């Protein structure tokens, strides 16, 4: 039996990181090494997020525009050094509501 948080850790969090990495690269012009420091992952992981090798569940995130707004807020907070992990829980909850048969 898998718990909902296991599914989130395996599928959703990588998708969120991929979305944030893409925003930081495209909208904020950051290099992979800068993104890796902000996200606390390796530069190789960032490369995989940007190339969609990791975070393949990104389509789940696009099902609700509120999730996109939260990801935008998270990216801005990360840039400012004001990240609040409560956003992750809000996104997770929304995704579980949208995808209840999957989680």
PDB file of N, CA and C in Angstrom:
ATOM      1  N   UNK A   1       0.842  -1.178   0.000  1.00  0.00           N
ATOM      2  CA  UNK A   1       0.000   0.000   0.000  1.00  0.00           C
ATOM      3  C   UNK A   1       0.888   1.242   0.000  1.00  0.00           C
ATOM      4  N   UNK A   2       0.584   2.143  -0.898  1.00  0.00           N
ATOM      5  CA  UNK A   2       1.312   3.408  -0.940  1.00  0.00           C
ATOM      6  C   UNK A   2       0.429   4.500  -0.353  1.00  0.00           C
ATOM      7  N   UNK A   3       1.052   5.335   0.450  1.00  0.00           N
ATOM      8  CA  UNK A   3       0.350   6.470   1.026  1.00  0.00           C
ATOM      9  C   UNK A   3       0.386   7.632   0.040  1.00  0.00           C
ATOM     10  N   UNK A   4      -0.594   8.548   0.128  1.00  0.00           N
ATOM     11  CA  UNK A   4      -0.633   9.675  -0.804  1.00  0.00           C
ATOM     12  C   UNK A   4       0.672  10.477  -0.847  1.00  0.00           C
ATOM     13  N   UNK A   5       1.302  10.648   0.291  1.00  0.00           N
ATOM     14  CA  UNK A   5       2.532  11.445   0.301  1.00  0.00           C
ATOM     15  C   UNK A   5       3.673  10.754  -0.442  1.00  0.00           C
ATOM     16  N   UNK A   6       3.644   9.418  -0.510  1.00  0.00           N
ATOM     17  CA  UNK A   6       4.657   8.703  -1.286  1.00  0.00           C
ATOM     18  C   UNK A   6       4.495   9.008  -2.772  1.00  0.00           C
ATOM     19  N   UNK A   7       3.261   9.000  -3.239  1.00  0.00           N
ATOM     20  CA  UNK A   7       2.993   9.328  -4.635  1.00  0.00           C
ATOM     21  C   UNK A   7       3.425  10.757  -4.940  1.00  0.00           C
ATOM     22  N   UNK A   8       3.138  11.644  -4.015  1.00  0.00           N
ATOM     23  CA  UNK A   8       3.525  13.041  -4.198  1.00  0.00           C
ATOM     24  C   UNK A   8       5.045  13.154  -4.279  1.00  0.00           C
ATOM     25  N   UNK A   9       5.737  12.485  -3.371  1.00  0.00           N
ATOM     26  CA  UNK A   9       7.201  12.559  -3.352  1.00  0.00           C
ATOM     27  C   UNK A   9       7.807  11.984  -4.626  1.00  0.00           C
ATOM     28  N   UNK A  10       7.190  10.941  -5.157  1.00  0.00           N
ATOM     29  CA  UNK A  10       7.744  10.287  -6.347  1.00  0.00           C
ATOM     30  C   UNK A  10       7.361  10.963  -7.653  1.00  0.00           C
ATOM     31  N   UNK A  11       6.183  11.584  -7.705  1.00  0.00           N
ATOM     32  CA  UNK A  11       5.695  12.129  -8.970  1.00  0.00           C
ATOM     33  C   UNK A  11       5.507  13.642  -8.962  1.00  0.00           C
ATOM     34  N   UNK A  12       4.861  14.149  -7.935  1.00  0.00           N
ATOM     35  CA  UNK A  12       4.454  15.554  -7.950  1.00  0.00           C
ATOM     36  C   UNK A  12       5.603  16.495  -7.608  1.00  0.00           C
ATOM     37  N   UNK A  13       6.359  16.192  -6.570  1.00  0.00           N
ATOM     38  CA  UNK A  13       7.457  17.091  -6.203  1.00  0.00           C
ATOM     39  C   UNK A  13       8.478  17.240  -7.331  1.00  0.00           C
ATOM     40  N   UNK A  14       8.855  16.164  -8.033  1.00  0.00           N
ATOM     41  CA  UNK A  14       9.751  16.368  -9.179  1.00  0.00           C
ATOM     42  C   UNK A  14       9.122  17.242 -10.270  1.00  0.00           C
ATOM     43  N   UNK A  15       7.815  17.108 -10.472  1.00  0.00           N
ATOM     44  CA  UNK A  15       7.136  17.944 -11.470  1.00  0.00           C
ATOM     45  C   UNK A  15       7.134  19.407 -11.039  1.00  0.00           C
ATOM     46  N   UNK A  16       6.917  19.655  -9.751  1.00  0.00           N
ATOM     47  CA  UNK A  16       6.953  21.026  -9.236  1.00  0.00           C
ATOM     48  C   UNK A  16       8.361  21.600  -9.380  1.00  0.00           C
ATOM     49  N   UNK A  17       9.370  20.808  -9.015  1.00  0.00           N
ATOM     50  CA  UNK A  17      10.756  21.277  -9.179  1.00  0.00           C
ATOM     51  C   UNK A  17      11.062  21.579 -10.636  1.00  0.00           C
ATOM     52  N   UNK A  18      10.577  20.728 -11.533  1.00  0.00           N
ATOM     53  CA  UNK A  18      10.807  20.938 -12.967  1.00  0.00           C
ATOM     54  C   UNK A  18      10.175  22.251 -13.431  1.00  0.00           C
ATOM     55  N   UNK A  19       8.958  22.500 -12.974  1.00  0.00           N
ATOM     56  CA  UNK A  19       8.278  23.751 -13.344  1.00  0.00           C
ATOM     57  C   UNK A  19       9.024  24.965 -12.784  1.00  0.00           C
ATOM     58  N   UNK A  20       9.435  24.865 -11.538  1.00  0.00           N
ATOM     59  CA  UNK A  20      10.159  25.979 -10.918  1.00  0.00           C
ATOM     60  C   UNK A  20      11.498  26.183 -11.614  1.00  0.00           C
ATOM     61  N   UNK A  21      12.213  25.108 -11.903  1.00  0.00           N
ATOM     62  CA  UNK A  21      13.506  25.221 -12.589  1.00  0.00           C
ATOM     63  C   UNK A  21      13.332  25.898 -13.946  1.00  0.00           C
ATOM     64  N   UNK A  22      12.285  25.530 -14.657  1.00  0.00           N
ATOM     65  CA  UNK A  22      12.012  26.130 -15.971  1.00  0.00           C
ATOM     66  C   UNK A  22      11.718  27.619 -15.831  1.00  0.00           C
ATOM     67  N   UNK A  23      10.917  27.984 -14.836  1.00  0.00           N
ATOM     68  CA  UNK A  23      10.615  29.404 -14.608  1.00  0.00           C
ATOM     69  C   UNK A  23      11.873  30.178 -14.245  1.00  0.00           C
ATOM     70  N   UNK A  24      12.682  29.608 -13.360  1.00  0.00           N
ATOM     71  CA  UNK A  24      13.903  30.300 -12.943  1.00  0.00           C
ATOM     72  C   UNK A  24      14.856  30.486 -14.114  1.00  0.00           C
ATOM     73  N   UNK A  25      14.896  29.528 -15.007  1.00  0.00           N
ATOM     74  CA  UNK A  25      15.769  29.635 -16.180  1.00  0.00           C
ATOM     75  C   UNK A  25      15.199  30.600 -17.213  1.00  0.00           C
ATOM     76  N   UNK A  26      13.933  30.429 -17.555  1.00  0.00           N
ATOM     77  CA  UNK A  26      13.347  31.202 -18.655  1.00  0.00           C
ATOM     78  C   UNK A  26      12.909  32.607 -18.260  1.00  0.00           C
ATOM     79  N   UNK A  27      12.307  32.750 -17.095  1.00  0.00           N
ATOM     80  CA  UNK A  27      11.761  34.047 -16.704  1.00  0.00           C
ATOM     81  C   UNK A  27      12.735  34.892 -15.891  1.00  0.00           C
ATOM     82  N   UNK A  28      13.644  34.230 -15.174  1.00  0.00           N
ATOM     83  CA  UNK A  28      14.590  34.965 -14.345  1.00  0.00           C
ATOM     84  C   UNK A  28      16.011  34.917 -14.901  1.00  0.00           C
ATOM     85  N   UNK A  29      16.223  34.138 -15.965  1.00  0.00           N
ATOM     86  CA  UNK A  29      17.514  34.089 -16.635  1.00  0.00           C
ATOM     87  C   UNK A  29      18.638  33.461 -15.822  1.00  0.00           C
ATOM     88  N   UNK A  30      18.290  32.589 -14.882  1.00  0.00           N
ATOM     89  CA  UNK A  30      19.316  31.971 -14.051  1.00  0.00           C
ATOM     90  C   UNK A  30      19.978  30.804 -14.769  1.00  0.00           C
ATOM     91  N   UNK A  31      21.235  30.572 -14.444  1.00  0.00           N
ATOM     92  CA  UNK A  31      21.973  29.441 -14.975  1.00  0.00           C
ATOM     93  C   UNK A  31      21.660  28.207 -14.127  1.00  0.00           C
ATOM     94  N   UNK A  32      21.935  27.035 -14.702  1.00  0.00           N
ATOM     95  CA  UNK A  32      21.629  25.786 -14.009  1.00  0.00           C
ATOM     96  C   UNK A  32      22.291  25.706 -12.640  1.00  0.00           C
ATOM     97  N   UNK A  33      23.516  26.148 -12.525  1.00  0.00           N
ATOM     98  CA  UNK A  33      24.219  26.072 -11.235  1.00  0.00           C
ATOM     99  C   UNK A  33      23.538  26.963 -10.198  1.00  0.00           C
ATOM    100  N   UNK A  34      23.031  28.132 -10.622  1.00  0.00           N
ATOM    101  CA  UNK A  34      22.314  29.026  -9.713  1.00  0.00           C
ATOM    102  C   UNK A  34      20.988  28.383  -9.270  1.00  0.00           C
ATOM    103  N   UNK A  35      20.309  27.767 -10.216  1.00  0.00           N
ATOM    104  CA  UNK A  35      19.045  27.102  -9.912  1.00  0.00           C
ATOM    105  C   UNK A  35      19.285  25.946  -8.948  1.00  0.00           C
ATOM    106  N   UNK A  36      20.376  25.215  -9.167  1.00  0.00           N
ATOM    107  CA  UNK A  36      20.664  24.068  -8.298  1.00  0.00           C
ATOM    108  C   UNK A  36      20.880  24.507  -6.857  1.00  0.00           C
ATOM    109  N   UNK A  37      21.524  25.649  -6.676  1.00  0.00           N
ATOM    110  CA  UNK A  37      21.745  26.157  -5.315  1.00  0.00           C
ATOM    111  C   UNK A  37      20.426  26.581  -4.667  1.00  0.00           C
ATOM    112  N   UNK A  38      19.567  27.212  -5.432  1.00  0.00           N
ATOM    113  CA  UNK A  38      18.279  27.659  -4.913  1.00  0.00           C
ATOM    114  C   UNK A  38      17.394  26.474  -4.538  1.00  0.00           C
ATOM    115  N   UNK A  39      17.364  25.443  -5.398  1.00  0.00           N
ATOM    116  CA  UNK A  39      16.504  24.289  -5.163  1.00  0.00           C
ATOM    117  C   UNK A  39      17.133  23.243  -4.240  1.00  0.00           C
ATOM    118  N   UNK A  40      18.433  23.366  -4.009  1.00  0.00           N
ATOM    119  CA  UNK A  40      19.103  22.391  -3.146  1.00  0.00           C
ATOM    120  C   UNK A  40      19.290  21.038  -3.807  1.00  0.00           C
ATOM    121  N   UNK A  41      19.493  21.057  -5.114  1.00  0.00           N
ATOM    122  CA  UNK A  41      19.739  19.830  -5.876  1.00  0.00           C
ATOM    123  C   UNK A  41      21.010  20.030  -6.688  1.00  0.00           C
ATOM    124  N   UNK A  42      21.467  18.975  -7.345  1.00  0.00           N
ATOM    125  CA  UNK A  42      22.674  19.089  -8.164  1.00  0.00           C
ATOM    126  C   UNK A  42      22.370  19.795  -9.480  1.00  0.00           C
ATOM    127  N   UNK A  43      23.423  20.273 -10.127  1.00  0.00           N
ATOM    128  CA  UNK A  43      23.269  20.889 -11.445  1.00  0.00           C
ATOM    129  C   UNK A  43      22.754  19.856 -12.443  1.00  0.00           C
ATOM    130  N   UNK A  44      23.178  18.599 -12.281  1.00  0.00           N
ATOM    131  CA  UNK A  44      22.694  17.525 -13.154  1.00  0.00           C
ATOM    132  C   UNK A  44      21.193  17.313 -13.020  1.00  0.00           C
ATOM    133  N   UNK A  45      20.693  17.406 -11.794  1.00  0.00           N
ATOM    134  CA  UNK A  45      19.249  17.274 -11.571  1.00  0.00           C
ATOM    135  C   UNK A  45      18.505  18.410 -12.270  1.00  0.00           C
ATOM    136  N   UNK A  46      19.045  19.613 -12.175  1.00  0.00           N
ATOM    137  CA  UNK A  46      18.421  20.762 -12.854  1.00  0.00           C
ATOM    138  C   UNK A  46      18.395  20.521 -14.359  1.00  0.00           C
ATOM    139  N   UNK A  47      19.483  20.023 -14.902  1.00  0.00           N
ATOM    140  CA  UNK A  47      19.537  19.703 -16.326  1.00  0.00           C
ATOM    141  C   UNK A  47      18.436  18.712 -16.693  1.00  0.00           C
ATOM    142  N   UNK A  48      18.234  17.701 -15.853  1.00  0.00           N
ATOM    143  CA  UNK A  48      17.182  16.720 -16.108  1.00  0.00           C
ATOM    144  C   UNK A  48      15.793  17.341 -15.988  1.00  0.00           C
ATOM    145  N   UNK A  49      15.601  18.248 -15.052  1.00  0.00           N
ATOM    146  CA  UNK A  49      14.309  18.934 -14.940  1.00  0.00           C
ATOM    147  C   UNK A  49      14.039  19.776 -16.185  1.00  0.00           C
ATOM    148  N   UNK A  50      15.043  20.485 -16.647  1.00  0.00           N
ATOM    149  CA  UNK A  50      14.859  21.369 -17.802  1.00  0.00           C
ATOM    150  C   UNK A  50      14.638  20.595 -19.096  1.00  0.00           C
ATOM    151  N   UNK A  51      15.202  19.410 -19.179  1.00  0.00           N
ATOM    152  CA  UNK A  51      15.036  18.601 -20.395  1.00  0.00           C
ATOM    153  C   UNK A  51      13.836  17.647 -20.295  1.00  0.00           C
ATOM    154  N   UNK A  52      13.091  17.723 -19.205  1.00  0.00           N
ATOM    155  CA  UNK A  52      11.919  16.878 -18.935  1.00  0.00           C
ATOM    156  C   UNK A  52      12.282  15.408 -18.742  1.00  0.00           C
ATOM    157  N   UNK A  53      13.547  15.115 -18.454  1.00  0.00           N
ATOM    158  CA  UNK A  53      13.941  13.751 -18.114  1.00  0.00           C
ATOM    159  C   UNK A  53      13.401  13.392 -16.731  1.00  0.00           C
ATOM    160  N   UNK A  54      13.383  14.377 -15.841  1.00  0.00           N
ATOM    161  CA  UNK A  54      12.752  14.238 -14.526  1.00  0.00           C
ATOM    162  C   UNK A  54      11.532  15.145 -14.498  1.00  0.00           C
ATOM    163  N   UNK A  55      10.578  14.815 -13.633  1.00  0.00           N
ATOM    164  CA  UNK A  55       9.386  15.653 -13.502  1.00  0.00           C
ATOM    165  C   UNK A  55       8.411  15.465 -14.638  1.00  0.00           C
ATOM    166  N   UNK A  56       8.276  14.234 -15.097  1.00  0.00           N
ATOM    167  CA  UNK A  56       7.437  13.940 -16.264  1.00  0.00           C
ATOM    168  C   UNK A  56       5.938  14.085 -15.996  1.00  0.00           C
ATOM    169  N   UNK A  57       5.567  14.221 -14.748  1.00  0.00           N
ATOM    170  CA  UNK A  57       4.149  14.329 -14.387  1.00  0.00           C
ATOM    171  C   UNK A  57       3.654  15.779 -14.441  1.00  0.00           C
ATOM    172  N   UNK A  58       4.327  16.612 -15.187  1.00  0.00           N
ATOM    173  CA  UNK A  58       4.001  18.034 -15.226  1.00  0.00           C
ATOM    174  C   UNK A  58       2.588  18.309 -15.714  1.00  0.00           C
ATOM    175  N   UNK A  59       2.033  17.413 -16.522  1.00  0.00           N
ATOM    176  CA  UNK A  59       0.679  17.641 -17.035  1.00  0.00           C
ATOM    177  C   UNK A  59      -0.350  17.670 -15.913  1.00  0.00           C
ATOM    178  N   UNK A  60      -0.076  16.978 -14.804  1.00  0.00           N
ATOM    179  CA  UNK A  60      -0.985  17.046 -13.656  1.00  0.00           C
ATOM    180  C   UNK A  60      -1.068  18.462 -13.096  1.00  0.00           C
ATOM    181  N   UNK A  61       0.028  19.190 -13.188  1.00  0.00           N
ATOM    182  CA  UNK A  61       0.065  20.545 -12.643  1.00  0.00           C
ATOM    183  C   UNK A  61      -0.771  21.516 -13.464  1.00  0.00           C
ATOM    184  N   UNK A  62      -0.912  21.236 -14.759  1.00  0.00           N
ATOM    185  CA  UNK A  62      -1.627  22.168 -15.633  1.00  0.00           C
ATOM    186  C   UNK A  62      -3.141  22.010 -15.566  1.00  0.00           C
ATOM    187  N   UNK A  63      -3.631  21.061 -14.787  1.00  0.00           N
ATOM    188  CA  UNK A  63      -5.078  20.844 -14.695  1.00  0.00           C
ATOM    189  C   UNK A  63      -5.794  21.933 -13.908  1.00  0.00           C
ATOM    190  N   UNK A  64      -5.060  22.718 -13.158  1.00  0.00           N
ATOM    191  CA  UNK A  64      -5.687  23.745 -12.334  1.00  0.00           C
ATOM    192  C   UNK A  64      -4.850  25.021 -12.392  1.00  0.00           C
ATOM    193  N   UNK A  65      -5.436  26.127 -12.845  1.00  0.00           N
ATOM    194  CA  UNK A  65      -4.668  27.375 -12.945  1.00  0.00           C
ATOM    195  C   UNK A  65      -4.151  27.884 -11.601  1.00  0.00           C
ATOM    196  N   UNK A  66      -4.828  27.522 -10.505  1.00  0.00           N
ATOM    197  CA  UNK A  66      -4.360  27.942  -9.182  1.00  0.00           C
ATOM    198  C   UNK A  66      -2.993  27.357  -8.868  1.00  0.00           C
ATOM    199  N   UNK A  67      -2.743  26.167  -9.367  1.00  0.00           N
ATOM    200  CA  UNK A  67      -1.450  25.523  -9.133  1.00  0.00           C
ATOM    201  C   UNK A  67      -0.345  26.299  -9.847  1.00  0.00           C
ATOM    202  N   UNK A  68      -0.614  26.729 -11.073  1.00  0.00           N
ATOM    203  CA  UNK A  68       0.355  27.547 -11.805  1.00  0.00           C
ATOM    204  C   UNK A  68       0.667  28.838 -11.065  1.00  0.00           C
ATOM    205  N   UNK A  69      -0.349  29.446 -10.482  1.00  0.00           N
ATOM    206  CA  UNK A  69      -0.146  30.674  -9.706  1.00  0.00           C
ATOM    207  C   UNK A  69       0.725  30.400  -8.486  1.00  0.00           C
ATOM    208  N   UNK A  70       0.482  29.277  -7.810  1.00  0.00           N
ATOM    209  CA  UNK A  70       1.287  28.928  -6.628  1.00  0.00           C
ATOM    210  C   UNK A  70       2.739  28.671  -7.025  1.00  0.00           C
ATOM    211  N   UNK A  71       2.940  28.037  -8.161  1.00  0.00           N
ATOM    212  CA  UNK A  71       4.307  27.783  -8.633  1.00  0.00           C
ATOM    213  C   UNK A  71       4.992  29.100  -8.968  1.00  0.00           C
ATOM    214  N   UNK A  72       4.269  30.033  -9.579  1.00  0.00           N
ATOM    215  CA  UNK A  72       4.827  31.365  -9.846  1.00  0.00           C
ATOM    216  C   UNK A  72       5.232  32.047  -8.544  1.00  0.00           C
ATOM    217  N   UNK A  73       4.345  31.970  -7.547  1.00  0.00           N
ATOM    218  CA  UNK A  73       4.641  32.570  -6.241  1.00  0.00           C
ATOM    219  C   UNK A  73       5.869  31.921  -5.611  1.00  0.00           C
ATOM    220  N   UNK A  74       5.947  30.595  -5.708  1.00  0.00           N
ATOM    221  CA  UNK A  74       7.083  29.883  -5.127  1.00  0.00           C
ATOM    222  C   UNK A  74       8.391  30.303  -5.794  1.00  0.00           C
ATOM    223  N   UNK A  75       8.380  30.418  -7.113  1.00  0.00           N
ATOM    224  CA  UNK A  75       9.591  30.827  -7.836  1.00  0.00           C
ATOM    225  C   UNK A  75      10.025  32.220  -7.387  1.00  0.00           C
ATOM    226  N   UNK A  76       9.077  33.134  -7.269  1.00  0.00           N
ATOM    227  CA  UNK A  76       9.402  34.497  -6.837  1.00  0.00           C
ATOM    228  C   UNK A  76       9.940  34.498  -5.408  1.00  0.00           C
ATOM    229  N   UNK A  77       9.327  33.690  -4.544  1.00  0.00           N
ATOM    230  CA  UNK A  77       9.792  33.618  -3.155  1.00  0.00           C
ATOM    231  C   UNK A  77      11.189  33.014  -3.081  1.00  0.00           C
ATOM    232  N   UNK A  78      11.463  32.010  -3.889  1.00  0.00           N
ATOM    233  CA  UNK A  78      12.794  31.397  -3.904  1.00  0.00           C
ATOM    234  C   UNK A  78      13.847  32.404  -4.342  1.00  0.00           C
ATOM    235  N   UNK A  79      13.525  33.202  -5.347  1.00  0.00           N
ATOM    236  CA  UNK A  79      14.454  34.234  -5.833  1.00  0.00           C
ATOM    237  C   UNK A  79      14.775  35.225  -4.715  1.00  0.00           C
ATOM    238  N   UNK A  80      13.761  35.588  -3.943  1.00  0.00           N
ATOM    239  CA  UNK A  80      13.935  36.563  -2.864  1.00  0.00           C
ATOM    240  C   UNK A  80      14.466  35.946  -1.579  1.00  0.00           C
ATOM    241  N   UNK A  81      14.576  34.606  -1.545  1.00  0.00           N
ATOM    242  CA  UNK A  81      15.012  33.938  -0.328  1.00  0.00           C
ATOM    243  C   UNK A  81      13.940  33.891   0.734  1.00  0.00           C
ATOM    244  N   UNK A  82      12.678  33.945   0.322  1.00  0.00           N
ATOM    245  CA  UNK A  82      11.552  33.983   1.253  1.00  0.00           C
ATOM    246  C   UNK A  82      10.644  32.769   1.096  1.00  0.00           C
ATOM    247  N   UNK A  83      11.193  31.642   0.687  1.00  0.00           N
ATOM    248  CA  UNK A  83      10.375  30.467   0.410  1.00  0.00           C
ATOM    249  C   UNK A  83       9.652  29.978   1.656  1.00  0.00           C
ATOM    250  N   UNK A  84       8.391  29.650   1.472  1.00  0.00           N
ATOM    251  CA  UNK A  84       7.550  29.124   2.540  1.00  0.00           C
ATOM    252  C   UNK A  84       7.039  27.761   2.087  1.00  0.00           C
ATOM    253  N   UNK A  85       7.457  26.691   2.765  1.00  0.00           N
ATOM    254  CA  UNK A  85       7.096  25.360   2.310  1.00  0.00           C
ATOM    255  C   UNK A  85       5.613  25.047   2.402  1.00  0.00           C
ATOM    256  N   UNK A  86       4.840  25.899   3.008  1.00  0.00           N
ATOM    257  CA  UNK A  86       3.393  25.681   3.078  1.00  0.00           C
ATOM    258  C   UNK A  86       2.773  25.644   1.683  1.00  0.00           C
ATOM    259  N   UNK A  87       3.409  26.303   0.717  1.00  0.00           N
ATOM    260  CA  UNK A  87       2.896  26.287  -0.647  1.00  0.00           C
ATOM    261  C   UNK A  87       2.899  24.874  -1.223  1.00  0.00           C
ATOM    262  N   UNK A  88       3.917  24.095  -0.895  1.00  0.00           N
ATOM    263  CA  UNK A  88       3.991  22.718  -1.386  1.00  0.00           C
ATOM    264  C   UNK A  88       2.771  21.937  -0.906  1.00  0.00           C
ATOM    265  N   UNK A  89       2.421  22.092   0.354  1.00  0.00           N
ATOM    266  CA  UNK A  89       1.267  21.370   0.917  1.00  0.00           C
ATOM    267  C   UNK A  89      -0.031  21.803   0.242  1.00  0.00           C
ATOM    268  N   UNK A  90      -0.163  23.088  -0.059  1.00  0.00           N
ATOM    269  CA  UNK A  90      -1.374  23.574  -0.728  1.00  0.00           C
ATOM    270  C   UNK A  90      -1.490  22.985  -2.129  1.00  0.00           C
ATOM    271  N   UNK A  91      -0.373  22.950  -2.858  1.00  0.00           N
ATOM    272  CA  UNK A  91      -0.375  22.385  -4.204  1.00  0.00           C
ATOM    273  C   UNK A  91      -0.697  20.897  -4.136  1.00  0.00           C
ATOM    274  N   UNK A  92      -0.078  20.206  -3.212  1.00  0.00           N
ATOM    275  CA  UNK A  92      -0.311  18.769  -3.043  1.00  0.00           C
ATOM    276  C   UNK A  92      -1.783  18.484  -2.783  1.00  0.00           C
ATOM    277  N   UNK A  93      -2.370  19.250  -1.897  1.00  0.00           N
ATOM    278  CA  UNK A  93      -3.779  19.051  -1.555  1.00  0.00           C
ATOM    279  C   UNK A  93      -4.662  19.264  -2.779  1.00  0.00           C
ATOM    280  N   UNK A  94      -4.394  20.330  -3.536  1.00  0.00           N
ATOM    281  CA  UNK A  94      -5.175  20.603  -4.751  1.00  0.00           C
ATOM    282  C   UNK A  94      -5.042  19.460  -5.748  1.00  0.00           C
ATOM    283  N   UNK A  95      -3.814  18.986  -5.935  1.00  0.00           N
ATOM    284  CA  UNK A  95      -3.587  17.904  -6.885  1.00  0.00           C
ATOM    285  C   UNK A  95      -4.285  16.622  -6.464  1.00  0.00           C
ATOM    286  N   UNK A  96      -4.280  16.337  -5.185  1.00  0.00           N
ATOM    287  CA  UNK A  96      -4.965  15.138  -4.705  1.00  0.00           C
ATOM    288  C   UNK A  96      -6.468  15.272  -4.923  1.00  0.00           C
ATOM    289  N   UNK A  97      -7.012  16.478  -4.762  1.00  0.00           N
ATOM    290  CA  UNK A  97      -8.443  16.694  -5.024  1.00  0.00           C
ATOM    291  C   UNK A  97      -8.760  16.476  -6.490  1.00  0.00           C
ATOM    292  N   UNK A  98      -7.891  16.966  -7.362  1.00  0.00           N
ATOM    293  CA  UNK A  98      -8.105  16.829  -8.807  1.00  0.00           C
ATOM    294  C   UNK A  98      -7.936  15.400  -9.286  1.00  0.00           C
ATOM    295  N   UNK A  99      -7.013  14.688  -8.667  1.00  0.00           N
ATOM    296  CA  UNK A  99      -6.618  13.375  -9.169  1.00  0.00           C
ATOM    297  C   UNK A  99      -6.922  12.275  -8.172  1.00  0.00           C
ATOM    298  N   UNK A 100      -7.994  12.394  -7.461  1.00  0.00           N
ATOM    299  CA  UNK A 100      -8.267  11.451  -6.364  1.00  0.00           C
ATOM    300  C   UNK A 100      -8.148   9.977  -6.786  1.00  0.00           C
ATOM    301  N   UNK A 101      -8.521   9.553  -7.996  1.00  0.00           N
ATOM    302  CA  UNK A 101      -8.330   8.138  -8.317  1.00  0.00           C
ATOM    303  C   UNK A 101      -6.854   7.742  -8.416  1.00  0.00           C
ATOM    304  N   UNK A 102      -5.977   8.713  -8.727  1.00  0.00           N
ATOM    305  CA  UNK A 102      -4.555   8.411  -8.876  1.00  0.00           C
ATOM    306  C   UNK A 102      -3.830   8.398  -7.556  1.00  0.00           C
ATOM    307  N   UNK A 103      -4.356   9.063  -6.528  1.00  0.00           N
ATOM    308  CA  UNK A 103      -3.656   9.172  -5.253  1.00  0.00           C
ATOM    309  C   UNK A 103      -4.445   8.514  -4.161  1.00  0.00           C
TER     310      UNK A 103
END
